[in-house]
Amino acid sequence: MAISLFDAAVLSFRQTVGAVGGVLAKGRAHFEAEEVNPDSFIETRLIEDMLPFRYQIYSVVNHSVGALEACKGGVFTPGASLGPDSWAGLEALIAEANTALAAFTPDEVNALEGKDVMFAFGKTQMPFTAEGFLLSFSMPNLHFHATTTYALLRGKGVKLGKRDYMGVPRIKA
């Protein structure tokens, strides 16, 4: 049985973005239980030269919803934003991404197969097909930023496990 682009990309994006929403909720609960303002965490980094926590959430959205929109438009550029500057803003961004991902239809996404998509960042231009872009560029980026989100929170004592990172798998009904 062949797998569709919608199944491979959108359903996987929904699983990961949903999981990041759950990780954020656990993070908020942890910080509130510790009587720490969650907003004080959003600039946290693993090391000085990396982008902050809030950028990780922004990038999860950019490499899911933003990637699909880029396939429709033909060009993907990494956003210049670092993301919302509050925990509530990060949670809202993830909620909006979940809603946007749920609105994509199989016909709409599967029709993107073979379409040209250009990754454009400064002087860097990388040509892709939509499926090549979604599965070999955006999917790994999405997981990189979701993993970094998990690691930053875990490093601050948030009780998270692999199941939190994985989200809800698509098990056989």
C-alpha atoms as a PDB file:
ATOM      1  CA  MET A   1       0.000   0.000   0.000  1.00  0.00           C
ATOM      2  CA  ALA A   2       1.318   3.403  -0.929  1.00  0.00           C
ATOM      3  CA  ILE A   3       1.391   6.140   1.661  1.00  0.00           C
ATOM      4  CA  SER A   4       0.193   9.596   0.677  1.00  0.00           C
ATOM      5  CA  LEU A   5       2.041  12.858   1.179  1.00  0.00           C
ATOM      6  CA  PHE A   6      -0.765  13.957   3.495  1.00  0.00           C
ATOM      7  CA  ASP A   7      -0.314  10.857   5.672  1.00  0.00           C
ATOM      8  CA  ALA A   8       3.478  11.127   5.733  1.00  0.00           C
ATOM      9  CA  ALA A   9       3.691  14.860   6.355  1.00  0.00           C
ATOM     10  CA  VAL A  10       0.518  16.356   7.809  1.00  0.00           C
ATOM     11  CA  LEU A  11      -0.390  13.519  10.147  1.00  0.00           C
ATOM     12  CA  SER A  12       3.197  13.376  11.399  1.00  0.00           C
ATOM     13  CA  PHE A  13       3.288  17.158  11.829  1.00  0.00           C
ATOM     14  CA  ARG A  14       0.041  17.016  13.794  1.00  0.00           C
ATOM     15  CA  GLN A  15       1.454  14.339  16.104  1.00  0.00           C
ATOM     16  CA  THR A  16       4.613  16.337  16.839  1.00  0.00           C
ATOM     17  CA  VAL A  17       2.961  19.754  17.141  1.00  0.00           C
ATOM     18  CA  GLY A  18       0.348  18.217  19.449  1.00  0.00           C
ATOM     19  CA  ALA A  19       3.109  16.704  21.554  1.00  0.00           C
ATOM     20  CA  VAL A  20       4.880  20.070  21.806  1.00  0.00           C
ATOM     21  CA  GLY A  21       1.612  21.549  23.053  1.00  0.00           C
ATOM     22  CA  GLY A  22       1.516  18.900  25.774  1.00  0.00           C
ATOM     23  CA  VAL A  23       5.150  19.537  26.677  1.00  0.00           C
ATOM     24  CA  LEU A  24       4.396  23.265  27.000  1.00  0.00           C
ATOM     25  CA  ALA A  25       1.432  22.513  29.279  1.00  0.00           C
ATOM     26  CA  LYS A  26       3.637  20.364  31.525  1.00  0.00           C
ATOM     27  CA  GLY A  27       6.255  23.098  31.512  1.00  0.00           C
ATOM     28  CA  ARG A  28       3.713  25.697  32.605  1.00  0.00           C
ATOM     29  CA  ALA A  29       2.429  23.428  35.387  1.00  0.00           C
ATOM     30  CA  HIS A  30       5.985  22.756  36.586  1.00  0.00           C
ATOM     31  CA  PHE A  31       6.947  26.419  36.699  1.00  0.00           C
ATOM     32  CA  GLU A  32       3.724  27.408  38.415  1.00  0.00           C
ATOM     33  CA  ALA A  33       4.180  24.650  41.032  1.00  0.00           C
ATOM     34  CA  GLU A  34       7.706  25.992  41.627  1.00  0.00           C
ATOM     35  CA  GLU A  35       6.257  29.524  41.817  1.00  0.00           C
ATOM     36  CA  VAL A  36       8.373  30.585  38.850  1.00  0.00           C
ATOM     37  CA  ASN A  37       6.953  32.800  36.119  1.00  0.00           C
ATOM     38  CA  PRO A  38       7.113  30.684  32.928  1.00  0.00           C
ATOM     39  CA  ASP A  39       7.900  33.850  30.958  1.00  0.00           C
ATOM     40  CA  SER A  40      11.280  33.948  32.704  1.00  0.00           C
ATOM     41  CA  PHE A  41      12.197  30.738  30.855  1.00  0.00           C
ATOM     42  CA  ILE A  42      11.516  31.714  27.234  1.00  0.00           C
ATOM     43  CA  GLU A  43      15.011  33.124  26.605  1.00  0.00           C
ATOM     44  CA  THR A  44      16.708  29.980  27.971  1.00  0.00           C
ATOM     45  CA  ARG A  45      19.357  28.328  25.793  1.00  0.00           C
ATOM     46  CA  LEU A  46      21.487  25.213  26.134  1.00  0.00           C
ATOM     47  CA  ILE A  47      24.536  27.294  25.255  1.00  0.00           C
ATOM     48  CA  GLU A  48      25.097  30.983  24.638  1.00  0.00           C
ATOM     49  CA  ASP A  49      25.406  30.833  20.842  1.00  0.00           C
ATOM     50  CA  MET A  50      22.077  29.068  20.193  1.00  0.00           C
ATOM     51  CA  LEU A  51      18.667  30.614  19.666  1.00  0.00           C
ATOM     52  CA  PRO A  52      16.330  30.725  22.695  1.00  0.00           C
ATOM     53  CA  PHE A  53      13.529  28.427  23.788  1.00  0.00           C
ATOM     54  CA  ARG A  54      10.856  30.597  22.204  1.00  0.00           C
ATOM     55  CA  TYR A  55      12.560  30.236  18.817  1.00  0.00           C
ATOM     56  CA  GLN A  56      12.330  26.461  19.152  1.00  0.00           C
ATOM     57  CA  ILE A  57       8.535  26.711  19.431  1.00  0.00           C
ATOM     58  CA  TYR A  58       8.358  29.222  16.579  1.00  0.00           C
ATOM     59  CA  SER A  59      10.405  26.837  14.428  1.00  0.00           C
ATOM     60  CA  VAL A  60       8.160  23.867  15.224  1.00  0.00           C
ATOM     61  CA  VAL A  61       5.305  25.901  13.757  1.00  0.00           C
ATOM     62  CA  ASN A  62       7.377  27.240  10.850  1.00  0.00           C
ATOM     63  CA  HIS A  63       8.524  23.745   9.839  1.00  0.00           C
ATOM     64  CA  SER A  64       5.005  22.338   9.933  1.00  0.00           C
ATOM     65  CA  VAL A  65       2.318  24.869   8.999  1.00  0.00           C
ATOM     66  CA  GLY A  66       4.864  27.219   7.433  1.00  0.00           C
ATOM     67  CA  ALA A  67       6.353  24.400   5.364  1.00  0.00           C
ATOM     68  CA  LEU A  68       2.962  23.373   3.992  1.00  0.00           C
ATOM     69  CA  GLU A  69       2.115  26.970   3.155  1.00  0.00           C
ATOM     70  CA  ALA A  70       5.513  27.333   1.467  1.00  0.00           C
ATOM     71  CA  CYS A  71       4.771  24.304  -0.695  1.00  0.00           C
ATOM     72  CA  LYS A  72       1.575  25.972  -1.824  1.00  0.00           C
ATOM     73  CA  GLY A  73       3.410  29.230  -2.570  1.00  0.00           C
ATOM     74  CA  GLY A  74       6.646  27.749  -3.927  1.00  0.00           C
ATOM     75  CA  VAL A  75       9.160  29.428  -1.569  1.00  0.00           C
ATOM     76  CA  PHE A  76      10.184  28.773   2.023  1.00  0.00           C
ATOM     77  CA  THR A  77      12.204  31.318   3.960  1.00  0.00           C
ATOM     78  CA  PRO A  78      13.071  30.879   7.613  1.00  0.00           C
ATOM     79  CA  GLY A  79      11.272  33.503   9.627  1.00  0.00           C
ATOM     80  CA  ALA A  80      13.182  36.349  11.151  1.00  0.00           C
ATOM     81  CA  SER A  81      11.067  36.186  14.307  1.00  0.00           C
ATOM     82  CA  LEU A  82      12.257  34.632  17.535  1.00  0.00           C
ATOM     83  CA  GLY A  83       8.623  33.840  18.339  1.00  0.00           C
ATOM     84  CA  PRO A  84       6.219  35.186  20.937  1.00  0.00           C
ATOM     85  CA  ASP A  85       7.739  36.790  24.014  1.00  0.00           C
ATOM     86  CA  SER A  86       5.430  35.157  26.555  1.00  0.00           C
ATOM     87  CA  TRP A  87       4.565  31.604  27.565  1.00  0.00           C
ATOM     88  CA  ALA A  88       0.905  32.294  26.804  1.00  0.00           C
ATOM     89  CA  GLY A  89       1.944  33.498  23.354  1.00  0.00           C
ATOM     90  CA  LEU A  90       3.890  30.286  22.742  1.00  0.00           C
ATOM     91  CA  GLU A  91       0.909  28.177  23.804  1.00  0.00           C
ATOM     92  CA  ALA A  92      -1.370  30.227  21.537  1.00  0.00           C
ATOM     93  CA  LEU A  93       1.038  29.794  18.625  1.00  0.00           C
ATOM     94  CA  ILE A  94       0.991  26.005  19.054  1.00  0.00           C
ATOM     95  CA  ALA A  95      -2.821  25.985  19.393  1.00  0.00           C
ATOM     96  CA  GLU A  96      -3.125  28.010  16.178  1.00  0.00           C
ATOM     97  CA  ALA A  97      -0.744  25.596  14.442  1.00  0.00           C
ATOM     98  CA  ASN A  98      -2.842  22.618  15.544  1.00  0.00           C
ATOM     99  CA  THR A  99      -5.949  24.311  14.144  1.00  0.00           C
ATOM    100  CA  ALA A 100      -4.198  25.176  10.883  1.00  0.00           C
ATOM    101  CA  LEU A 101      -2.833  21.645  10.452  1.00  0.00           C
ATOM    102  CA  ALA A 102      -6.301  20.175  11.049  1.00  0.00           C
ATOM    103  CA  ALA A 103      -7.650  22.351   8.226  1.00  0.00           C
ATOM    104  CA  PHE A 104      -5.358  20.860   5.545  1.00  0.00           C
ATOM    105  CA  THR A 105      -7.163  18.254   3.463  1.00  0.00           C
ATOM    106  CA  PRO A 106      -5.674  15.148   1.867  1.00  0.00           C
ATOM    107  CA  ASP A 107      -6.613  16.356  -1.621  1.00  0.00           C
ATOM    108  CA  GLU A 108      -5.007  19.756  -1.019  1.00  0.00           C
ATOM    109  CA  VAL A 109      -1.729  18.325   0.259  1.00  0.00           C
ATOM    110  CA  ASN A 110      -1.490  15.369  -2.112  1.00  0.00           C
ATOM    111  CA  ALA A 111      -1.926  17.787  -5.041  1.00  0.00           C
ATOM    112  CA  LEU A 112       1.385  19.417  -4.012  1.00  0.00           C
ATOM    113  CA  GLU A 113       3.401  16.336  -5.052  1.00  0.00           C
ATOM    114  CA  GLY A 114       6.009  17.232  -7.645  1.00  0.00           C
ATOM    115  CA  LYS A 115       5.519  20.969  -7.176  1.00  0.00           C
ATOM    116  CA  ASP A 116       8.704  23.058  -7.070  1.00  0.00           C
ATOM    117  CA  VAL A 117       9.631  24.587  -3.710  1.00  0.00           C
ATOM    118  CA  MET A 118      12.673  26.789  -3.185  1.00  0.00           C
ATOM    119  CA  PHE A 119      14.355  27.155   0.191  1.00  0.00           C
ATOM    120  CA  ALA A 120      15.669  30.710   0.179  1.00  0.00           C
ATOM    121  CA  PHE A 121      17.831  32.133   2.938  1.00  0.00           C
ATOM    122  CA  GLY A 122      20.113  35.016   2.066  1.00  0.00           C
ATOM    123  CA  LYS A 123      22.247  33.837  -0.846  1.00  0.00           C
ATOM    124  CA  THR A 124      21.369  30.192  -0.214  1.00  0.00           C
ATOM    125  CA  GLN A 125      18.892  28.751  -2.694  1.00  0.00           C
ATOM    126  CA  MET A 126      17.974  25.068  -2.472  1.00  0.00           C
ATOM    127  CA  PRO A 127      15.473  23.645  -4.991  1.00  0.00           C
ATOM    128  CA  PHE A 128      13.134  20.861  -3.853  1.00  0.00           C
ATOM    129  CA  THR A 129       9.958  19.123  -4.850  1.00  0.00           C
ATOM    130  CA  ALA A 130       7.215  19.591  -2.266  1.00  0.00           C
ATOM    131  CA  GLU A 131       7.573  16.022  -1.005  1.00  0.00           C
ATOM    132  CA  GLY A 132      11.366  16.274  -0.876  1.00  0.00           C
ATOM    133  CA  PHE A 133      11.130  19.539   1.032  1.00  0.00           C
ATOM    134  CA  LEU A 134       8.528  18.331   3.524  1.00  0.00           C
ATOM    135  CA  LEU A 135      10.084  14.942   4.222  1.00  0.00           C
ATOM    136  CA  SER A 136      13.828  15.614   3.961  1.00  0.00           C
ATOM    137  CA  PHE A 137      14.082  19.212   5.147  1.00  0.00           C
ATOM    138  CA  SER A 138      11.122  20.355   7.208  1.00  0.00           C
ATOM    139  CA  MET A 139      10.464  17.054   8.990  1.00  0.00           C
ATOM    140  CA  PRO A 140      14.044  16.791  10.357  1.00  0.00           C
ATOM    141  CA  ASN A 141      13.979  20.482  11.303  1.00  0.00           C
ATOM    142  CA  LEU A 142      10.639  20.029  13.058  1.00  0.00           C
ATOM    143  CA  HIS A 143      12.049  17.155  15.105  1.00  0.00           C
ATOM    144  CA  PHE A 144      15.266  19.028  15.865  1.00  0.00           C
ATOM    145  CA  HIS A 145      13.326  21.949  17.346  1.00  0.00           C
ATOM    146  CA  ALA A 146      10.816  19.699  19.142  1.00  0.00           C
ATOM    147  CA  THR A 147      13.712  17.747  20.668  1.00  0.00           C
ATOM    148  CA  THR A 148      15.448  20.961  21.710  1.00  0.00           C
ATOM    149  CA  THR A 149      12.209  22.162  23.319  1.00  0.00           C
ATOM    150  CA  TYR A 150      11.990  18.895  25.255  1.00  0.00           C
ATOM    151  CA  ALA A 151      15.668  19.039  26.286  1.00  0.00           C
ATOM    152  CA  LEU A 152      15.488  22.631  27.509  1.00  0.00           C
ATOM    153  CA  LEU A 153      12.459  21.895  29.680  1.00  0.00           C
ATOM    154  CA  ARG A 154      13.814  18.563  30.913  1.00  0.00           C
ATOM    155  CA  GLY A 155      17.041  20.299  31.864  1.00  0.00           C
ATOM    156  CA  LYS A 156      15.045  22.662  34.088  1.00  0.00           C
ATOM    157  CA  GLY A 157      13.420  19.784  35.953  1.00  0.00           C
ATOM    158  CA  VAL A 158      10.142  19.445  34.061  1.00  0.00           C
ATOM    159  CA  LYS A 159       9.061  15.834  34.446  1.00  0.00           C
ATOM    160  CA  LEU A 160       8.894  14.688  30.832  1.00  0.00           C
ATOM    161  CA  GLY A 161       9.424  11.313  29.233  1.00  0.00           C
ATOM    162  CA  LYS A 162       9.647   9.836  25.772  1.00  0.00           C
ATOM    163  CA  ARG A 163       5.859   9.494  25.544  1.00  0.00           C
ATOM    164  CA  ASP A 164       5.520  13.241  26.066  1.00  0.00           C
ATOM    165  CA  TYR A 165       7.862  13.843  23.139  1.00  0.00           C
ATOM    166  CA  MET A 166       6.168  11.259  20.914  1.00  0.00           C
ATOM    167  CA  GLY A 167       2.637  12.515  21.386  1.00  0.00           C
ATOM    168  CA  VAL A 168      -0.262  10.326  20.347  1.00  0.00           C
ATOM    169  CA  PRO A 169       0.806   7.654  17.849  1.00  0.00           C
ATOM    170  CA  ARG A 170      -1.530   6.578  15.054  1.00  0.00           C
ATOM    171  CA  ILE A 171      -2.311   3.095  16.329  1.00  0.00           C
ATOM    172  CA  LYS A 172      -4.518   0.647  14.500  1.00  0.00           C
ATOM    173  CA  ALA A 173      -8.155   1.103  15.473  1.00  0.00           C
END
